[in-house]
C-alpha atoms as a PDB file:
ATOM      1  CA  MET A   1      89.226 154.798  67.194  1.00  0.00           C
ATOM      2  CA  ARG A   2      85.902 152.719  66.698  1.00  0.00           C
ATOM      3  CA  ASP A   3      85.720 152.665  70.373  1.00  0.00           C
ATOM      4  CA  LEU A   4      85.848 156.227  71.227  1.00  0.00           C
ATOM      5  CA  ALA A   5      83.162 157.110  68.700  1.00  0.00           C
ATOM      6  CA  VAL A   6      80.861 154.381  70.138  1.00  0.00           C
ATOM      7  CA  ILE A   7      81.180 155.633  73.653  1.00  0.00           C
ATOM      8  CA  TYR A   8      80.969 159.372  72.605  1.00  0.00           C
ATOM      9  CA  GLY A   9      77.933 158.432  70.333  1.00  0.00           C
ATOM     10  CA  GLU A  10      76.151 155.921  72.888  1.00  0.00           C
ATOM     11  CA  GLU A  11      76.568 156.377  76.670  1.00  0.00           C
ATOM     12  CA  PHE A  12      78.499 159.897  76.764  1.00  0.00           C
ATOM     13  CA  HIS A  13      75.645 161.200  74.212  1.00  0.00           C
ATOM     14  CA  ARG A  14      72.921 160.193  76.636  1.00  0.00           C
ATOM     15  CA  ALA A  15      74.707 161.665  79.435  1.00  0.00           C
ATOM     16  CA  TRP A  16      75.186 164.972  77.811  1.00  0.00           C
ATOM     17  CA  GLY A  17      71.646 164.982  77.096  1.00  0.00           C
ATOM     18  CA  GLN A  18      70.882 164.985  80.971  1.00  0.00           C
ATOM     19  CA  VAL A  19      73.205 168.412  81.247  1.00  0.00           C
ATOM     20  CA  VAL A  20      70.193 170.719  82.458  1.00  0.00           C
ATOM     21  CA  PRO A  21      69.287 168.225  85.329  1.00  0.00           C
ATOM     22  CA  ALA A  22      72.457 167.740  86.072  1.00  0.00           C
ATOM     23  CA  VAL A  23      73.149 171.667  86.317  1.00  0.00           C
ATOM     24  CA  ARG A  24      70.045 171.894  88.400  1.00  0.00           C
ATOM     25  CA  THR A  25      70.691 169.093  90.773  1.00  0.00           C
ATOM     26  CA  GLY A  26      74.867 169.289  91.154  1.00  0.00           C
ATOM     27  CA  THR A  27      75.094 165.639  90.042  1.00  0.00           C
ATOM     28  CA  SER A  28      76.374 164.144  86.829  1.00  0.00           C
ATOM     29  CA  GLY A  29      74.487 163.732  83.463  1.00  0.00           C
ATOM     30  CA  PHE A  30      75.482 160.111  83.613  1.00  0.00           C
ATOM     31  CA  GLU A  31      73.867 159.555  86.649  1.00  0.00           C
ATOM     32  CA  HIS A  32      70.520 161.209  85.428  1.00  0.00           C
ATOM     33  CA  ALA A  33      70.798 159.131  82.253  1.00  0.00           C
ATOM     34  CA  PHE A  34      71.836 155.719  83.471  1.00  0.00           C
ATOM     35  CA  GLY A  35      70.730 155.799  87.310  1.00  0.00           C
ATOM     36  CA  THR A  36      74.573 155.126  88.485  1.00  0.00           C
ATOM     37  CA  SER A  37      77.883 156.818  88.345  1.00  0.00           C
ATOM     38  CA  LEU A  38      79.986 156.397  85.250  1.00  0.00           C
ATOM     39  CA  HIS A  39      82.160 153.999  87.530  1.00  0.00           C
ATOM     40  CA  GLY A  40      79.105 151.967  88.757  1.00  0.00           C
ATOM     41  CA  TYR A  41      78.060 151.722  84.928  1.00  0.00           C
ATOM     42  CA  LEU A  42      81.436 150.504  84.215  1.00  0.00           C
ATOM     43  CA  ALA A  43      81.418 147.752  86.843  1.00  0.00           C
ATOM     44  CA  GLN A  44      78.191 146.595  86.463  1.00  0.00           C
ATOM     45  CA  GLU A  45      77.260 146.591  82.745  1.00  0.00           C
ATOM     46  CA  PRO A  46      78.794 143.695  80.772  1.00  0.00           C
ATOM     47  CA  GLY A  47      81.709 144.642  78.502  1.00  0.00           C
ATOM     48  CA  ALA A  48      81.409 148.313  79.374  1.00  0.00           C
ATOM     49  CA  GLY A  49      84.665 148.422  81.272  1.00  0.00           C
ATOM     50  CA  ALA A  50      86.800 147.119  78.649  1.00  0.00           C
ATOM     51  CA  LYS A  51      84.960 149.189  75.648  1.00  0.00           C
ATOM     52  CA  PHE A  52      85.861 152.170  77.928  1.00  0.00           C
ATOM     53  CA  GLN A  53      89.421 151.457  78.508  1.00  0.00           C
ATOM     54  CA  ARG A  54      89.630 150.845  74.391  1.00  0.00           C
ATOM     55  CA  ALA A  55      87.969 154.264  73.875  1.00  0.00           C
ATOM     56  CA  MET A  56      90.374 155.632  76.327  1.00  0.00           C
ATOM     57  CA  ASN A  57      93.329 154.054  74.680  1.00  0.00           C
ATOM     58  CA  ALA A  58      92.079 155.394  71.085  1.00  0.00           C
ATOM     59  CA  GLY A  59      93.244 158.717  72.321  1.00  0.00           C
ATOM     60  CA  ASN A  60      96.911 157.893  72.771  1.00  0.00           C
ATOM     61  CA  ALA A  61      97.528 158.727  68.953  1.00  0.00           C
ATOM     62  CA  PHE A  62      98.120 162.127  70.452  1.00  0.00           C
ATOM     63  CA  PHE A  63      99.756 161.660  73.538  1.00  0.00           C
ATOM     64  CA  GLY A  64     103.217 161.942  72.128  1.00  0.00           C
ATOM     65  CA  GLU A  65     102.539 165.426  71.040  1.00  0.00           C
ATOM     66  CA  VAL A  66     101.471 166.138  74.490  1.00  0.00           C
ATOM     67  CA  ALA A  67     104.772 165.200  75.846  1.00  0.00           C
ATOM     68  CA  THR A  68     106.469 167.856  73.481  1.00  0.00           C
ATOM     69  CA  ALA A  69     103.682 170.654  73.330  1.00  0.00           C
ATOM     70  CA  PHE A  70     104.053 171.345  76.945  1.00  0.00           C
ATOM     71  CA  ASP A  71     107.378 172.708  78.595  1.00  0.00           C
ATOM     72  CA  PHE A  72     107.994 170.089  81.223  1.00  0.00           C
ATOM     73  CA  SER A  73     111.631 171.552  82.036  1.00  0.00           C
ATOM     74  CA  GLY A  74     110.944 173.329  85.132  1.00  0.00           C
ATOM     75  CA  CYS A  75     108.736 170.173  86.953  1.00  0.00           C
ATOM     76  CA  ARG A  76     110.251 167.352  88.673  1.00  0.00           C
ATOM     77  CA  THR A  77     106.998 165.378  88.826  1.00  0.00           C
ATOM     78  CA  VAL A  78     103.796 165.037  86.946  1.00  0.00           C
ATOM     79  CA  VAL A  79     100.533 163.210  88.087  1.00  0.00           C
ATOM     80  CA  ASP A  80      98.080 161.643  85.651  1.00  0.00           C
ATOM     81  CA  VAL A  81      94.780 161.713  87.774  1.00  0.00           C
ATOM     82  CA  ALA A  82      92.599 159.021  86.258  1.00  0.00           C
ATOM     83  CA  GLY A  83      95.726 157.907  84.124  1.00  0.00           C
ATOM     84  CA  GLY A  84      93.958 154.669  83.019  1.00  0.00           C
ATOM     85  CA  SER A  85      96.598 152.290  81.504  1.00  0.00           C
ATOM     86  CA  GLY A  86      99.561 155.011  81.961  1.00  0.00           C
ATOM     87  CA  MET A  87      99.983 155.655  78.127  1.00  0.00           C
ATOM     88  CA  LEU A  88      99.968 159.310  78.709  1.00  0.00           C
ATOM     89  CA  LEU A  89     102.227 159.158  81.711  1.00  0.00           C
ATOM     90  CA  SER A  90     104.975 156.858  79.716  1.00  0.00           C
ATOM     91  CA  ALA A  91     104.850 159.248  76.764  1.00  0.00           C
ATOM     92  CA  VAL A  92     105.724 162.133  78.917  1.00  0.00           C
ATOM     93  CA  LEU A  93     108.457 160.296  81.203  1.00  0.00           C
ATOM     94  CA  ARG A  94     110.005 158.787  77.803  1.00  0.00           C
ATOM     95  CA  ALA A  95     110.038 162.383  76.408  1.00  0.00           C
ATOM     96  CA  HIS A  96     111.780 163.815  79.520  1.00  0.00           C
ATOM     97  CA  PRO A  97     113.941 161.304  81.436  1.00  0.00           C
ATOM     98  CA  ASP A  98     114.502 163.650  84.244  1.00  0.00           C
ATOM     99  CA  LEU A  99     110.727 163.657  85.094  1.00  0.00           C
ATOM    100  CA  HIS A 100     109.170 161.058  87.557  1.00  0.00           C
ATOM    101  CA  GLY A 101     105.612 160.416  87.377  1.00  0.00           C
ATOM    102  CA  THR A 102     102.767 159.792  89.740  1.00  0.00           C
ATOM    103  CA  LEU A 103      99.769 157.894  87.986  1.00  0.00           C
ATOM    104  CA  PHE A 104      96.383 158.110  90.318  1.00  0.00           C
ATOM    105  CA  ASP A 105      93.427 155.725  89.323  1.00  0.00           C
ATOM    106  CA  LEU A 106      90.673 153.360  90.646  1.00  0.00           C
ATOM    107  CA  PRO A 107      92.214 150.065  92.663  1.00  0.00           C
ATOM    108  CA  LYS A 108      91.213 147.794  89.633  1.00  0.00           C
ATOM    109  CA  VAL A 109      93.147 149.967  86.944  1.00  0.00           C
ATOM    110  CA  THR A 110      96.554 150.518  88.768  1.00  0.00           C
ATOM    111  CA  PRO A 111      97.753 147.059  88.224  1.00  0.00           C
ATOM    112  CA  VAL A 112      97.268 147.362  84.375  1.00  0.00           C
ATOM    113  CA  ALA A 113      98.933 150.953  84.601  1.00  0.00           C
ATOM    114  CA  ARG A 114     101.775 149.311  86.630  1.00  0.00           C
ATOM    115  CA  GLU A 115     102.335 146.605  84.172  1.00  0.00           C
ATOM    116  CA  HIS A 116     102.472 149.051  81.353  1.00  0.00           C
ATOM    117  CA  LEU A 117     104.765 151.590  82.884  1.00  0.00           C
ATOM    118  CA  ASP A 118     107.385 148.780  83.964  1.00  0.00           C
ATOM    119  CA  ARG A 119     107.796 148.008  80.544  1.00  0.00           C
ATOM    120  CA  ALA A 120     108.052 151.808  79.224  1.00  0.00           C
ATOM    121  CA  VAL A 121     109.740 153.406  81.814  1.00  0.00           C
ATOM    122  CA  GLY A 122     110.807 151.122  84.438  1.00  0.00           C
ATOM    123  CA  PRO A 123     109.540 150.762  88.131  1.00  0.00           C
ATOM    124  CA  ASP A 124     111.866 153.489  89.547  1.00  0.00           C
ATOM    125  CA  ARG A 125     110.301 156.324  87.403  1.00  0.00           C
ATOM    126  CA  TYR A 126     106.674 156.384  88.554  1.00  0.00           C
ATOM    127  CA  ARG A 127     104.423 155.515  91.329  1.00  0.00           C
ATOM    128  CA  ALA A 128     100.886 154.012  90.933  1.00  0.00           C
ATOM    129  CA  VAL A 129      98.521 155.031  93.548  1.00  0.00           C
ATOM    130  CA  PRO A 130      95.202 153.660  93.639  1.00  0.00           C
ATOM    131  CA  GLY A 131      92.343 155.386  95.113  1.00  0.00           C
ATOM    132  CA  THR A 132      88.910 157.014  94.110  1.00  0.00           C
ATOM    133  CA  SER A 133      87.831 160.756  94.172  1.00  0.00           C
ATOM    134  CA  SER A 134      86.716 160.278  97.838  1.00  0.00           C
ATOM    135  CA  THR A 135      89.957 159.099  98.825  1.00  0.00           C
ATOM    136  CA  PRO A 136      91.102 161.556 101.336  1.00  0.00           C
ATOM    137  CA  SER A 137      94.234 163.287 100.103  1.00  0.00           C
ATOM    138  CA  ARG A 138      97.386 163.145 102.483  1.00  0.00           C
ATOM    139  CA  ARG A 139      99.924 165.908 101.830  1.00  0.00           C
ATOM    140  CA  ALA A 140     102.805 163.003 101.858  1.00  0.00           C
ATOM    141  CA  ARG A 141     101.182 161.456  99.077  1.00  0.00           C
ATOM    142  CA  THR A 142     100.857 164.848  97.125  1.00  0.00           C
ATOM    143  CA  PRO A 143     104.174 165.554  94.970  1.00  0.00           C
ATOM    144  CA  THR A 144     106.000 168.879  95.066  1.00  0.00           C
ATOM    145  CA  CYS A 145     105.283 170.432  91.780  1.00  0.00           C
ATOM    146  CA  CYS A 146     107.209 173.901  91.659  1.00  0.00           C
ATOM    147  CA  PRO A 147     110.867 173.263  91.511  1.00  0.00           C
ATOM    148  CA  GLY A 148     112.534 174.523  94.832  1.00  0.00           C
ATOM    149  CA  CYS A 149     109.138 174.833  96.180  1.00  0.00           C
ATOM    150  CA  SER A 150     107.591 173.260  99.701  1.00  0.00           C
ATOM    151  CA  ARG A 151     104.123 173.765  98.786  1.00  0.00           C
ATOM    152  CA  THR A 152     102.465 171.014  97.308  1.00  0.00           C
ATOM    153  CA  GLY A 153      99.919 170.442  94.732  1.00  0.00           C
ATOM    154  CA  THR A 154      98.451 168.107  92.024  1.00  0.00           C
ATOM    155  CA  THR A 155      99.825 168.301  88.611  1.00  0.00           C
ATOM    156  CA  SER A 156      98.518 166.815  85.472  1.00  0.00           C
ATOM    157  CA  ALA A 157     100.676 165.242  82.752  1.00  0.00           C
ATOM    158  CA  ALA A 158      98.740 167.339  80.381  1.00  0.00           C
ATOM    159  CA  SER A 159      98.217 171.068  82.154  1.00  0.00           C
ATOM    160  CA  GLY A 160     101.635 171.032  84.227  1.00  0.00           C
ATOM    161  CA  CYS A 161     101.093 172.377  87.857  1.00  0.00           C
ATOM    162  CA  SER A 162      97.574 173.159  89.035  1.00  0.00           C
ATOM    163  CA  ALA A 163      96.296 176.456  88.957  1.00  0.00           C
ATOM    164  CA  THR A 164      96.206 176.487  93.081  1.00  0.00           C
ATOM    165  CA  CYS A 165      99.805 175.360  93.402  1.00  0.00           C
ATOM    166  CA  ALA A 166     100.964 178.021  90.908  1.00  0.00           C
ATOM    167  CA  ARG A 167      99.015 180.743  92.528  1.00  0.00           C
ATOM    168  CA  ARG A 168     100.130 180.001  95.974  1.00  0.00           C
ATOM    169  CA  CYS A 169     104.092 179.761  94.451  1.00  0.00           C
ATOM    170  CA  ARG A 170     103.435 182.758  92.268  1.00  0.00           C
ATOM    171  CA  THR A 171     104.555 180.628  89.724  1.00  0.00           C
ATOM    172  CA  PRO A 172     103.245 180.566  85.923  1.00  0.00           C
ATOM    173  CA  PRO A 173     100.865 177.885  85.567  1.00  0.00           C
ATOM    174  CA  GLY A 174     102.746 174.706  84.461  1.00  0.00           C
ATOM    175  CA  CYS A 175     105.549 175.814  86.629  1.00  0.00           C
END
């Protein structure tokens, strides 16, 4: 938890301090505070990437609760966008043996996720998809999130079906 507290008290605090110019310009507060995107900062600043990953992993204390707090019974696939090491996705998949998962994260992160997910749930239960927020989406890569539905949308391990898919399919959010 130390790294989580430190990153929120240092980098993220500085970024939130730039919320006004961020809203005015449509760019991120992080870019205003540090002169680069979060991903650029993590890649350039020595030790920042490792600290960020430790901070994100500190949040895994509640991942088991996410897996049981949300009703995944109507879903077949969950997608964890920016899924990091795969801890949240593995908690959901372990709690729901009929689910399959897709983890989407930066190309340098997905090998770490694959290593963890292979051990935690086995290679046949998930896909790790490398990409960035600017990676063009392809219908073939987008999982079907609603049972019996041919339409596609992105789900999140924390929230189930996307609101867009739920509206199109006329199903409640979360399938």
